[in-house]
Amino acid sequence: MTVRETSVPGLLVIEPRVFEDARGFFLERYHAGRYAEAGIPGPFVQDNHSRSVQGTLRGLHFQRRHPQGKLVECVRGRIWDVAVDLRAGSPTFGAWEGVELDEASHRQLWVPPGFAHGFGVLSDTADVLYKCTEVYHPGDEGGVAWDDPDLGIPWPVDTPLLSDKDAAWPRLAALGADALPVASFSS
């Protein structure tokens, strides 16, 4: 596998080795030892699967007291995946990175604890799988407005389909320190 660092420290793009032939393909989606060597710690304690229709935008979500690291991949369709650095003390606090994930490339995005995460669906439908380092706590969820002008994320979804919750998240500037993830930046 190939691991590429992004402009935001800790946020990694993973390109797995894919073995293709006339029958189809084979790849290792996850190998604890190899991912640990690449700086992606375990253990993963929860796997999530979402299916969304084209134009859906999910996010930007985070957990406050139980921040989740997420290993994200799109196994059907195509998405634009975004992570925003919300780690206390990070020199890139508020910086974001967007990466296209699709079923053809098998590319993954490692989103460390302390980031807000979301994605927009570019294909007719998309199935997104993500492994989490912490279980989901419904009362611990927070979010940032997907269209926060201070972040300036150029979502490739014109008129997104949003949940009521995702449509109501506040701008990052409106969140106090007690509303952000407890994860800290460490170099």
N, C-alpha and C. Protein backbone atom coordinates (compact mmCIF):
# COMPACT_ATOMS: atom_id res chain seq x y z
N MET A 1 0.84 -1.18 0.00
CA MET A 1 0.00 0.00 0.00
C MET A 1 0.88 1.24 0.00
N THR A 2 0.33 2.31 -0.52
CA THR A 2 1.03 3.58 -0.55
C THR A 2 0.27 4.55 0.35
N VAL A 3 0.99 5.27 1.20
CA VAL A 3 0.37 6.23 2.11
C VAL A 3 0.89 7.61 1.72
N ARG A 4 -0.06 8.54 1.51
CA ARG A 4 0.30 9.91 1.14
C ARG A 4 -0.18 10.86 2.22
N GLU A 5 0.74 11.70 2.69
CA GLU A 5 0.36 12.73 3.65
C GLU A 5 -0.36 13.85 2.91
N THR A 6 -1.26 14.51 3.59
CA THR A 6 -1.98 15.65 3.02
C THR A 6 -1.37 16.93 3.59
N SER A 7 -1.98 18.05 3.27
CA SER A 7 -1.51 19.33 3.80
C SER A 7 -1.85 19.51 5.27
N VAL A 8 -2.68 18.62 5.82
CA VAL A 8 -3.08 18.69 7.22
C VAL A 8 -2.40 17.53 7.95
N PRO A 9 -1.49 17.81 8.90
CA PRO A 9 -0.76 16.75 9.58
C PRO A 9 -1.70 15.70 10.21
N GLY A 10 -1.37 14.43 9.96
CA GLY A 10 -2.14 13.33 10.52
C GLY A 10 -3.20 12.79 9.59
N LEU A 11 -3.69 13.60 8.67
CA LEU A 11 -4.71 13.18 7.71
C LEU A 11 -4.02 12.50 6.54
N LEU A 12 -4.33 11.23 6.29
CA LEU A 12 -3.59 10.42 5.32
C LEU A 12 -4.50 9.83 4.26
N VAL A 13 -3.98 9.73 3.03
CA VAL A 13 -4.66 9.04 1.93
C VAL A 13 -3.94 7.73 1.72
N ILE A 14 -4.70 6.64 1.68
CA ILE A 14 -4.13 5.30 1.53
C ILE A 14 -4.55 4.73 0.19
N GLU A 15 -3.56 4.27 -0.56
CA GLU A 15 -3.82 3.61 -1.85
C GLU A 15 -3.42 2.14 -1.67
N PRO A 16 -4.40 1.25 -1.53
CA PRO A 16 -4.05 -0.16 -1.33
C PRO A 16 -3.53 -0.81 -2.61
N ARG A 17 -2.78 -1.88 -2.45
CA ARG A 17 -2.36 -2.68 -3.61
C ARG A 17 -3.56 -3.50 -4.04
N VAL A 18 -3.88 -3.39 -5.32
CA VAL A 18 -5.02 -4.10 -5.88
C VAL A 18 -4.49 -5.08 -6.93
N PHE A 19 -4.89 -6.33 -6.81
CA PHE A 19 -4.48 -7.37 -7.75
C PHE A 19 -5.70 -7.69 -8.62
N GLU A 20 -5.61 -7.29 -9.90
CA GLU A 20 -6.74 -7.47 -10.82
C GLU A 20 -6.37 -8.48 -11.91
N ASP A 21 -7.38 -9.24 -12.34
CA ASP A 21 -7.24 -10.11 -13.50
C ASP A 21 -8.62 -10.30 -14.10
N ALA A 22 -8.75 -11.23 -15.01
CA ALA A 22 -10.02 -11.44 -15.72
C ALA A 22 -11.17 -11.82 -14.78
N ARG A 23 -10.85 -12.34 -13.60
CA ARG A 23 -11.89 -12.76 -12.65
C ARG A 23 -12.43 -11.60 -11.82
N GLY A 24 -11.65 -10.53 -11.70
CA GLY A 24 -12.04 -9.42 -10.84
C GLY A 24 -10.82 -8.86 -10.14
N PHE A 25 -10.92 -8.66 -8.83
CA PHE A 25 -9.79 -8.10 -8.09
C PHE A 25 -9.73 -8.68 -6.69
N PHE A 26 -8.56 -8.47 -6.03
CA PHE A 26 -8.35 -8.81 -4.64
C PHE A 26 -7.54 -7.69 -4.03
N LEU A 27 -7.87 -7.33 -2.78
CA LEU A 27 -7.07 -6.37 -2.03
C LEU A 27 -7.28 -6.60 -0.55
N GLU A 28 -6.31 -6.16 0.25
CA GLU A 28 -6.48 -6.15 1.70
C GLU A 28 -7.06 -4.80 2.06
N ARG A 29 -8.27 -4.77 2.60
CA ARG A 29 -8.90 -3.51 3.02
C ARG A 29 -8.25 -2.97 4.29
N TYR A 30 -7.79 -3.89 5.12
CA TYR A 30 -7.18 -3.48 6.37
C TYR A 30 -6.25 -4.58 6.86
N HIS A 31 -5.08 -4.17 7.33
CA HIS A 31 -4.10 -5.08 7.92
C HIS A 31 -3.51 -4.32 9.11
N ALA A 32 -3.81 -4.75 10.32
CA ALA A 32 -3.46 -4.00 11.53
C ALA A 32 -1.98 -3.62 11.57
N GLY A 33 -1.09 -4.55 11.29
CA GLY A 33 0.33 -4.26 11.36
C GLY A 33 0.77 -3.22 10.35
N ARG A 34 0.34 -3.37 9.10
CA ARG A 34 0.73 -2.41 8.05
C ARG A 34 0.16 -1.02 8.32
N TYR A 35 -1.07 -0.96 8.78
CA TYR A 35 -1.67 0.35 9.05
C TYR A 35 -1.02 1.01 10.26
N ALA A 36 -0.66 0.24 11.27
CA ALA A 36 0.05 0.79 12.43
C ALA A 36 1.40 1.36 12.01
N GLU A 37 2.11 0.64 11.14
CA GLU A 37 3.40 1.14 10.63
C GLU A 37 3.23 2.46 9.88
N ALA A 38 2.07 2.65 9.26
CA ALA A 38 1.79 3.88 8.50
C ALA A 38 1.29 5.02 9.40
N GLY A 39 1.16 4.74 10.70
CA GLY A 39 0.71 5.79 11.63
C GLY A 39 -0.78 5.81 11.86
N ILE A 40 -1.46 4.73 11.50
CA ILE A 40 -2.91 4.63 11.71
C ILE A 40 -3.13 3.65 12.84
N PRO A 41 -3.39 4.18 14.04
CA PRO A 41 -3.49 3.30 15.21
C PRO A 41 -4.83 2.56 15.26
N GLY A 42 -4.82 1.47 15.93
CA GLY A 42 -6.05 0.76 16.25
C GLY A 42 -6.24 0.88 17.74
N PRO A 43 -7.11 0.14 18.30
CA PRO A 43 -7.97 -0.77 17.55
C PRO A 43 -9.20 -0.04 17.01
N PHE A 44 -9.80 -0.64 16.01
CA PHE A 44 -11.08 -0.16 15.51
C PHE A 44 -12.17 -0.94 16.24
N VAL A 45 -13.18 -0.23 16.73
CA VAL A 45 -14.19 -0.85 17.58
C VAL A 45 -15.59 -0.81 16.98
N GLN A 46 -15.75 -0.15 15.85
CA GLN A 46 -17.08 -0.05 15.23
C GLN A 46 -16.90 0.13 13.73
N ASP A 47 -17.68 -0.61 12.94
CA ASP A 47 -17.72 -0.43 11.49
C ASP A 47 -19.08 0.15 11.12
N ASN A 48 -19.08 1.18 10.26
CA ASN A 48 -20.31 1.81 9.81
C ASN A 48 -20.43 1.68 8.30
N HIS A 49 -21.67 1.65 7.81
CA HIS A 49 -21.96 1.54 6.38
C HIS A 49 -23.13 2.47 6.10
N SER A 50 -22.94 3.41 5.18
CA SER A 50 -24.06 4.26 4.76
C SER A 50 -24.25 4.12 3.27
N ARG A 51 -25.50 4.20 2.82
CA ARG A 51 -25.84 4.26 1.40
C ARG A 51 -26.58 5.57 1.20
N SER A 52 -26.18 6.31 0.20
CA SER A 52 -26.77 7.62 -0.06
C SER A 52 -26.98 7.81 -1.55
N VAL A 53 -27.96 8.62 -1.88
CA VAL A 53 -28.25 8.94 -3.28
C VAL A 53 -27.46 10.16 -3.71
N GLN A 54 -27.36 10.34 -5.01
CA GLN A 54 -26.60 11.46 -5.58
C GLN A 54 -27.11 12.79 -5.02
N GLY A 55 -26.16 13.66 -4.70
CA GLY A 55 -26.49 14.97 -4.17
C GLY A 55 -26.59 15.03 -2.66
N THR A 56 -26.55 13.86 -2.00
CA THR A 56 -26.58 13.83 -0.54
C THR A 56 -25.28 14.41 0.01
N LEU A 57 -25.40 15.20 1.05
CA LEU A 57 -24.23 15.69 1.77
C LEU A 57 -24.43 15.32 3.23
N ARG A 58 -23.50 14.56 3.76
CA ARG A 58 -23.54 14.14 5.16
C ARG A 58 -22.38 14.82 5.89
N GLY A 59 -22.71 15.56 6.95
CA GLY A 59 -21.64 16.19 7.73
C GLY A 59 -21.84 17.68 7.85
N LEU A 60 -20.96 18.25 8.47
CA LEU A 60 -19.65 17.84 9.00
C LEU A 60 -19.81 17.44 10.47
N HIS A 61 -19.52 16.20 10.81
CA HIS A 61 -19.77 15.64 12.14
C HIS A 61 -18.49 15.39 12.92
N PHE A 62 -18.62 15.43 14.24
CA PHE A 62 -17.53 15.02 15.13
C PHE A 62 -18.14 14.60 16.46
N GLN A 63 -17.34 13.93 17.28
CA GLN A 63 -17.71 13.56 18.64
C GLN A 63 -16.89 14.43 19.59
N ARG A 64 -17.52 14.96 20.63
CA ARG A 64 -16.84 15.89 21.54
C ARG A 64 -15.90 15.19 22.52
N ARG A 65 -16.48 14.43 23.46
CA ARG A 65 -15.68 13.80 24.53
C ARG A 65 -15.14 12.42 24.13
N HIS A 66 -15.67 11.87 23.06
CA HIS A 66 -15.24 10.55 22.58
C HIS A 66 -14.88 10.65 21.09
N PRO A 67 -13.87 11.46 20.74
CA PRO A 67 -13.56 11.66 19.32
C PRO A 67 -13.16 10.36 18.64
N GLN A 68 -13.66 10.21 17.42
CA GLN A 68 -13.43 9.00 16.65
C GLN A 68 -12.37 9.23 15.57
N GLY A 69 -11.44 8.30 15.47
CA GLY A 69 -10.63 8.21 14.27
C GLY A 69 -11.43 7.38 13.28
N LYS A 70 -11.38 7.74 11.99
CA LYS A 70 -12.17 7.03 10.98
C LYS A 70 -11.29 6.67 9.79
N LEU A 71 -11.40 5.43 9.37
CA LEU A 71 -10.78 4.96 8.14
C LEU A 71 -11.92 4.81 7.14
N VAL A 72 -11.99 5.73 6.17
CA VAL A 72 -13.15 5.87 5.29
C VAL A 72 -12.84 5.37 3.89
N GLU A 73 -13.80 4.67 3.29
CA GLU A 73 -13.67 4.25 1.90
C GLU A 73 -15.05 4.18 1.25
N CYS A 74 -15.08 4.38 -0.04
CA CYS A 74 -16.31 4.28 -0.82
C CYS A 74 -16.23 3.00 -1.63
N VAL A 75 -17.07 2.02 -1.31
CA VAL A 75 -16.99 0.71 -1.97
C VAL A 75 -17.96 0.59 -3.13
N ARG A 76 -18.83 1.56 -3.27
CA ARG A 76 -19.76 1.60 -4.41
C ARG A 76 -20.02 3.06 -4.74
N GLY A 77 -19.78 3.44 -5.99
CA GLY A 77 -20.04 4.81 -6.40
C GLY A 77 -18.82 5.70 -6.20
N ARG A 78 -19.11 7.01 -5.96
CA ARG A 78 -18.05 8.01 -5.88
C ARG A 78 -18.50 9.14 -4.97
N ILE A 79 -17.60 9.54 -4.07
CA ILE A 79 -17.89 10.63 -3.13
C ILE A 79 -16.73 11.62 -3.11
N TRP A 80 -17.02 12.81 -2.59
CA TRP A 80 -15.97 13.76 -2.25
C TRP A 80 -15.97 13.83 -0.74
N ASP A 81 -14.88 13.35 -0.13
CA ASP A 81 -14.78 13.20 1.32
C ASP A 81 -13.98 14.37 1.88
N VAL A 82 -14.45 14.96 2.97
CA VAL A 82 -13.82 16.15 3.54
C VAL A 82 -13.58 15.95 5.04
N ALA A 83 -12.41 16.38 5.50
CA ALA A 83 -12.08 16.38 6.92
C ALA A 83 -11.56 17.76 7.30
N VAL A 84 -12.04 18.28 8.45
CA VAL A 84 -11.66 19.60 8.95
C VAL A 84 -10.95 19.41 10.28
N ASP A 85 -9.77 19.99 10.42
CA ASP A 85 -8.96 19.86 11.64
C ASP A 85 -9.57 20.71 12.76
N LEU A 86 -10.01 20.06 13.84
CA LEU A 86 -10.55 20.75 15.02
C LEU A 86 -9.76 20.41 16.28
N ARG A 87 -8.54 19.90 16.12
CA ARG A 87 -7.73 19.49 17.26
C ARG A 87 -7.18 20.72 18.00
N ALA A 88 -7.35 20.69 19.31
CA ALA A 88 -6.82 21.78 20.15
C ALA A 88 -5.32 21.90 19.96
N GLY A 89 -4.84 23.12 19.75
CA GLY A 89 -3.42 23.37 19.61
C GLY A 89 -2.82 23.07 18.25
N SER A 90 -3.65 22.64 17.31
CA SER A 90 -3.12 22.31 15.99
C SER A 90 -2.78 23.57 15.21
N PRO A 91 -1.61 23.60 14.57
CA PRO A 91 -1.26 24.76 13.74
C PRO A 91 -2.13 24.85 12.49
N THR A 92 -2.86 23.78 12.17
CA THR A 92 -3.76 23.79 11.02
C THR A 92 -5.23 23.75 11.45
N PHE A 93 -5.52 24.22 12.68
CA PHE A 93 -6.90 24.25 13.16
C PHE A 93 -7.77 24.99 12.14
N GLY A 94 -8.89 24.38 11.76
CA GLY A 94 -9.81 24.98 10.79
C GLY A 94 -9.45 24.68 9.34
N ALA A 95 -8.28 24.09 9.10
CA ALA A 95 -7.90 23.71 7.74
C ALA A 95 -8.64 22.44 7.35
N TRP A 96 -8.89 22.28 6.07
CA TRP A 96 -9.62 21.10 5.60
C TRP A 96 -8.90 20.51 4.39
N GLU A 97 -9.24 19.28 4.10
CA GLU A 97 -8.75 18.59 2.92
C GLU A 97 -9.92 17.82 2.33
N GLY A 98 -10.04 17.85 1.00
CA GLY A 98 -11.06 17.07 0.29
C GLY A 98 -10.40 16.07 -0.62
N VAL A 99 -10.91 14.83 -0.62
CA VAL A 99 -10.34 13.75 -1.41
C VAL A 99 -11.48 12.98 -2.07
N GLU A 100 -11.33 12.70 -3.35
CA GLU A 100 -12.33 11.86 -4.01
C GLU A 100 -12.04 10.40 -3.69
N LEU A 101 -13.06 9.72 -3.23
CA LEU A 101 -12.99 8.28 -2.96
C LEU A 101 -13.99 7.60 -3.87
N ASP A 102 -13.58 6.47 -4.47
CA ASP A 102 -14.50 5.77 -5.38
C ASP A 102 -14.20 4.29 -5.40
N GLU A 103 -15.14 3.54 -5.95
CA GLU A 103 -15.00 2.09 -5.97
C GLU A 103 -13.89 1.62 -6.90
N ALA A 104 -13.52 2.41 -7.90
CA ALA A 104 -12.50 1.99 -8.85
C ALA A 104 -11.09 2.08 -8.25
N SER A 105 -10.81 3.13 -7.49
CA SER A 105 -9.45 3.32 -6.96
C SER A 105 -9.23 2.59 -5.64
N HIS A 106 -10.31 2.32 -4.90
CA HIS A 106 -10.22 1.69 -3.57
C HIS A 106 -9.48 2.56 -2.56
N ARG A 107 -9.28 3.83 -2.89
CA ARG A 107 -8.56 4.77 -2.02
C ARG A 107 -9.32 4.91 -0.69
N GLN A 108 -8.55 5.11 0.38
CA GLN A 108 -9.11 5.32 1.71
C GLN A 108 -8.58 6.64 2.27
N LEU A 109 -9.32 7.19 3.22
CA LEU A 109 -8.88 8.38 3.93
C LEU A 109 -8.86 8.08 5.42
N TRP A 110 -7.70 8.32 6.05
CA TRP A 110 -7.59 8.20 7.50
C TRP A 110 -7.87 9.58 8.09
N VAL A 111 -8.94 9.66 8.89
CA VAL A 111 -9.35 10.89 9.56
C VAL A 111 -9.07 10.70 11.05
N PRO A 112 -8.04 11.35 11.59
CA PRO A 112 -7.69 11.15 13.00
C PRO A 112 -8.77 11.68 13.95
N PRO A 113 -8.76 11.25 15.20
CA PRO A 113 -9.67 11.83 16.19
C PRO A 113 -9.46 13.34 16.26
N GLY A 114 -10.56 14.06 16.42
CA GLY A 114 -10.48 15.51 16.54
C GLY A 114 -10.78 16.26 15.26
N PHE A 115 -11.17 15.55 14.23
CA PHE A 115 -11.55 16.17 12.97
C PHE A 115 -13.07 16.11 12.80
N ALA A 116 -13.64 17.11 12.12
CA ALA A 116 -15.01 17.01 11.63
C ALA A 116 -14.93 16.30 10.28
N HIS A 117 -15.93 15.50 9.97
CA HIS A 117 -15.91 14.70 8.75
C HIS A 117 -17.25 14.78 8.04
N GLY A 118 -17.20 14.78 6.71
CA GLY A 118 -18.41 14.74 5.91
C GLY A 118 -18.09 14.35 4.48
N PHE A 119 -19.14 14.08 3.70
CA PHE A 119 -18.92 13.76 2.29
C PHE A 119 -20.15 14.12 1.48
N GLY A 120 -19.90 14.37 0.19
CA GLY A 120 -20.95 14.62 -0.79
C GLY A 120 -20.93 13.51 -1.82
N VAL A 121 -22.12 13.05 -2.23
CA VAL A 121 -22.23 11.92 -3.16
C VAL A 121 -22.27 12.43 -4.60
N LEU A 122 -21.34 11.94 -5.41
CA LEU A 122 -21.19 12.38 -6.80
C LEU A 122 -21.81 11.41 -7.81
N SER A 123 -22.01 10.15 -7.43
CA SER A 123 -22.56 9.14 -8.32
C SER A 123 -24.05 8.96 -8.02
N ASP A 124 -24.73 8.11 -8.81
CA ASP A 124 -26.16 7.87 -8.58
C ASP A 124 -26.45 7.43 -7.15
N THR A 125 -25.64 6.52 -6.65
CA THR A 125 -25.68 6.10 -5.25
C THR A 125 -24.24 5.85 -4.81
N ALA A 126 -24.05 5.82 -3.50
CA ALA A 126 -22.72 5.51 -2.97
C ALA A 126 -22.86 4.76 -1.67
N ASP A 127 -22.04 3.73 -1.53
CA ASP A 127 -21.93 3.00 -0.27
C ASP A 127 -20.59 3.37 0.35
N VAL A 128 -20.64 3.90 1.57
CA VAL A 128 -19.44 4.34 2.26
C VAL A 128 -19.27 3.48 3.51
N LEU A 129 -18.08 2.92 3.67
CA LEU A 129 -17.74 2.13 4.86
C LEU A 129 -16.69 2.90 5.63
N TYR A 130 -16.83 2.90 6.95
CA TYR A 130 -15.76 3.47 7.75
C TYR A 130 -15.63 2.76 9.08
N LYS A 131 -14.37 2.50 9.40
CA LYS A 131 -13.99 1.88 10.66
C LYS A 131 -13.73 3.01 11.65
N CYS A 132 -14.17 2.83 12.89
CA CYS A 132 -14.03 3.88 13.91
C CYS A 132 -13.24 3.37 15.10
N THR A 133 -12.44 4.27 15.68
CA THR A 133 -11.63 3.92 16.85
C THR A 133 -12.38 4.10 18.15
N GLU A 134 -13.58 4.63 18.09
CA GLU A 134 -14.41 4.86 19.29
C GLU A 134 -15.85 4.58 18.88
N VAL A 135 -16.64 4.02 19.80
CA VAL A 135 -18.05 3.80 19.48
C VAL A 135 -18.80 5.13 19.44
N TYR A 136 -19.88 5.14 18.71
CA TYR A 136 -20.70 6.34 18.55
C TYR A 136 -21.52 6.58 19.82
N HIS A 137 -21.48 7.80 20.31
CA HIS A 137 -22.27 8.22 21.46
C HIS A 137 -23.23 9.31 20.98
N PRO A 138 -24.53 9.00 20.80
CA PRO A 138 -25.46 9.97 20.20
C PRO A 138 -25.48 11.33 20.90
N GLY A 139 -25.39 11.37 22.22
CA GLY A 139 -25.44 12.65 22.94
C GLY A 139 -24.15 13.43 22.88
N ASP A 140 -23.14 12.87 22.27
CA ASP A 140 -21.81 13.48 22.22
C ASP A 140 -21.50 14.11 20.87
N GLU A 141 -22.44 13.99 19.95
CA GLU A 141 -22.20 14.46 18.58
C GLU A 141 -22.23 15.97 18.48
N GLY A 142 -21.33 16.48 17.66
CA GLY A 142 -21.31 17.90 17.32
C GLY A 142 -21.17 18.03 15.82
N GLY A 143 -21.22 19.26 15.35
CA GLY A 143 -21.07 19.47 13.93
C GLY A 143 -20.75 20.91 13.59
N VAL A 144 -20.33 21.09 12.37
CA VAL A 144 -20.01 22.40 11.81
C VAL A 144 -20.80 22.53 10.51
N ALA A 145 -21.30 23.72 10.25
CA ALA A 145 -22.07 23.98 9.03
C ALA A 145 -21.27 23.59 7.79
N TRP A 146 -21.86 22.80 6.95
CA TRP A 146 -21.19 22.33 5.73
C TRP A 146 -20.80 23.50 4.83
N ASP A 147 -21.58 24.58 4.90
CA ASP A 147 -21.35 25.72 4.01
C ASP A 147 -20.77 26.93 4.76
N ASP A 148 -20.05 26.68 5.85
CA ASP A 148 -19.43 27.75 6.63
C ASP A 148 -18.51 28.56 5.70
N PRO A 149 -18.81 29.84 5.49
CA PRO A 149 -17.98 30.64 4.57
C PRO A 149 -16.55 30.82 5.07
N ASP A 150 -16.32 30.73 6.37
CA ASP A 150 -14.96 30.84 6.89
C ASP A 150 -14.11 29.64 6.50
N LEU A 151 -14.74 28.47 6.33
CA LEU A 151 -14.02 27.28 5.87
C LEU A 151 -13.84 27.33 4.35
N GLY A 152 -14.86 27.79 3.64
CA GLY A 152 -14.77 27.93 2.19
C GLY A 152 -14.60 26.63 1.44
N ILE A 153 -15.27 25.59 1.87
CA ILE A 153 -15.16 24.29 1.21
C ILE A 153 -15.98 24.34 -0.09
N PRO A 154 -15.35 24.10 -1.25
CA PRO A 154 -16.06 24.14 -2.53
C PRO A 154 -16.74 22.79 -2.84
N TRP A 155 -17.80 22.49 -2.14
CA TRP A 155 -18.48 21.22 -2.32
C TRP A 155 -18.90 21.05 -3.79
N PRO A 156 -18.67 19.89 -4.37
CA PRO A 156 -19.07 19.65 -5.75
C PRO A 156 -20.52 19.16 -5.87
N VAL A 157 -21.33 19.49 -4.89
CA VAL A 157 -22.74 19.13 -4.87
C VAL A 157 -23.52 20.44 -4.91
N ASP A 158 -24.25 20.68 -5.99
CA ASP A 158 -24.90 21.98 -6.18
C ASP A 158 -25.96 22.31 -5.14
N THR A 159 -26.99 21.49 -5.07
CA THR A 159 -28.08 21.70 -4.11
C THR A 159 -28.16 20.44 -3.26
N PRO A 160 -27.41 20.40 -2.15
CA PRO A 160 -27.30 19.14 -1.41
C PRO A 160 -28.58 18.72 -0.71
N LEU A 161 -28.75 17.40 -0.63
CA LEU A 161 -29.80 16.81 0.19
C LEU A 161 -29.21 16.67 1.59
N LEU A 162 -29.81 17.35 2.56
CA LEU A 162 -29.29 17.39 3.92
C LEU A 162 -30.31 16.86 4.91
N SER A 163 -29.84 16.27 6.00
CA SER A 163 -30.73 15.97 7.11
C SER A 163 -31.04 17.29 7.81
N ASP A 164 -32.10 17.33 8.59
CA ASP A 164 -32.43 18.54 9.35
C ASP A 164 -31.27 18.91 10.28
N LYS A 165 -30.66 17.90 10.88
CA LYS A 165 -29.54 18.13 11.80
C LYS A 165 -28.36 18.76 11.07
N ASP A 166 -28.02 18.22 9.88
CA ASP A 166 -26.88 18.74 9.14
C ASP A 166 -27.14 20.16 8.61
N ALA A 167 -28.38 20.48 8.36
CA ALA A 167 -28.74 21.82 7.88
C ALA A 167 -28.65 22.86 9.00
N ALA A 168 -28.64 22.41 10.26
CA ALA A 168 -28.70 23.33 11.40
C ALA A 168 -27.39 23.50 12.16
N TRP A 169 -26.32 22.80 11.76
CA TRP A 169 -25.06 22.94 12.50
C TRP A 169 -24.57 24.39 12.43
N PRO A 170 -23.93 24.89 13.50
CA PRO A 170 -23.43 26.27 13.51
C PRO A 170 -22.10 26.40 12.75
N ARG A 171 -21.73 27.63 12.50
CA ARG A 171 -20.41 27.91 11.92
C ARG A 171 -19.34 27.60 12.97
N LEU A 172 -18.15 27.31 12.51
CA LEU A 172 -17.04 26.98 13.40
C LEU A 172 -16.77 28.11 14.39
N ALA A 173 -16.83 29.35 13.93
CA ALA A 173 -16.55 30.51 14.79
C ALA A 173 -17.54 30.63 15.94
N ALA A 174 -18.72 30.03 15.81
CA ALA A 174 -19.75 30.11 16.85
C ALA A 174 -19.57 29.04 17.92
N LEU A 175 -18.69 28.09 17.69
CA LEU A 175 -18.48 27.01 18.66
C LEU A 175 -17.43 27.43 19.68
N GLY A 176 -17.76 27.28 20.95
CA GLY A 176 -16.78 27.54 22.01
C GLY A 176 -15.88 26.34 22.17
N ALA A 177 -14.80 26.50 22.89
CA ALA A 177 -13.83 25.40 23.11
C ALA A 177 -14.49 24.18 23.74
N ASP A 178 -15.51 24.39 24.60
CA ASP A 178 -16.18 23.26 25.25
C ASP A 178 -17.07 22.49 24.28
N ALA A 179 -17.34 23.03 23.09
CA ALA A 179 -18.18 22.36 22.10
C ALA A 179 -17.35 21.61 21.07
N LEU A 180 -16.03 21.70 21.15
CA LEU A 180 -15.15 21.06 20.19
C LEU A 180 -14.62 19.74 20.73
N PRO A 181 -14.07 18.88 19.84
CA PRO A 181 -13.51 17.61 20.33
C PRO A 181 -12.39 17.84 21.34
N VAL A 182 -12.24 16.89 22.24
CA VAL A 182 -11.18 16.99 23.26
C VAL A 182 -9.82 16.55 22.72
N ALA A 183 -9.77 16.06 21.50
CA ALA A 183 -8.51 15.60 20.93
C ALA A 183 -7.55 16.75 20.74
N SER A 184 -6.30 16.53 21.10
CA SER A 184 -5.26 17.56 20.96
C SER A 184 -4.30 17.17 19.86
N PHE A 185 -3.68 18.20 19.31
CA PHE A 185 -2.65 17.98 18.29
C PHE A 185 -1.38 17.52 18.97
N SER A 186 -0.75 16.51 18.39
CA SER A 186 0.56 16.08 18.88
C SER A 186 1.44 15.83 17.67
N SER A 187 2.64 16.35 17.73
CA SER A 187 3.53 16.22 16.58
C SER A 187 4.40 14.99 16.69
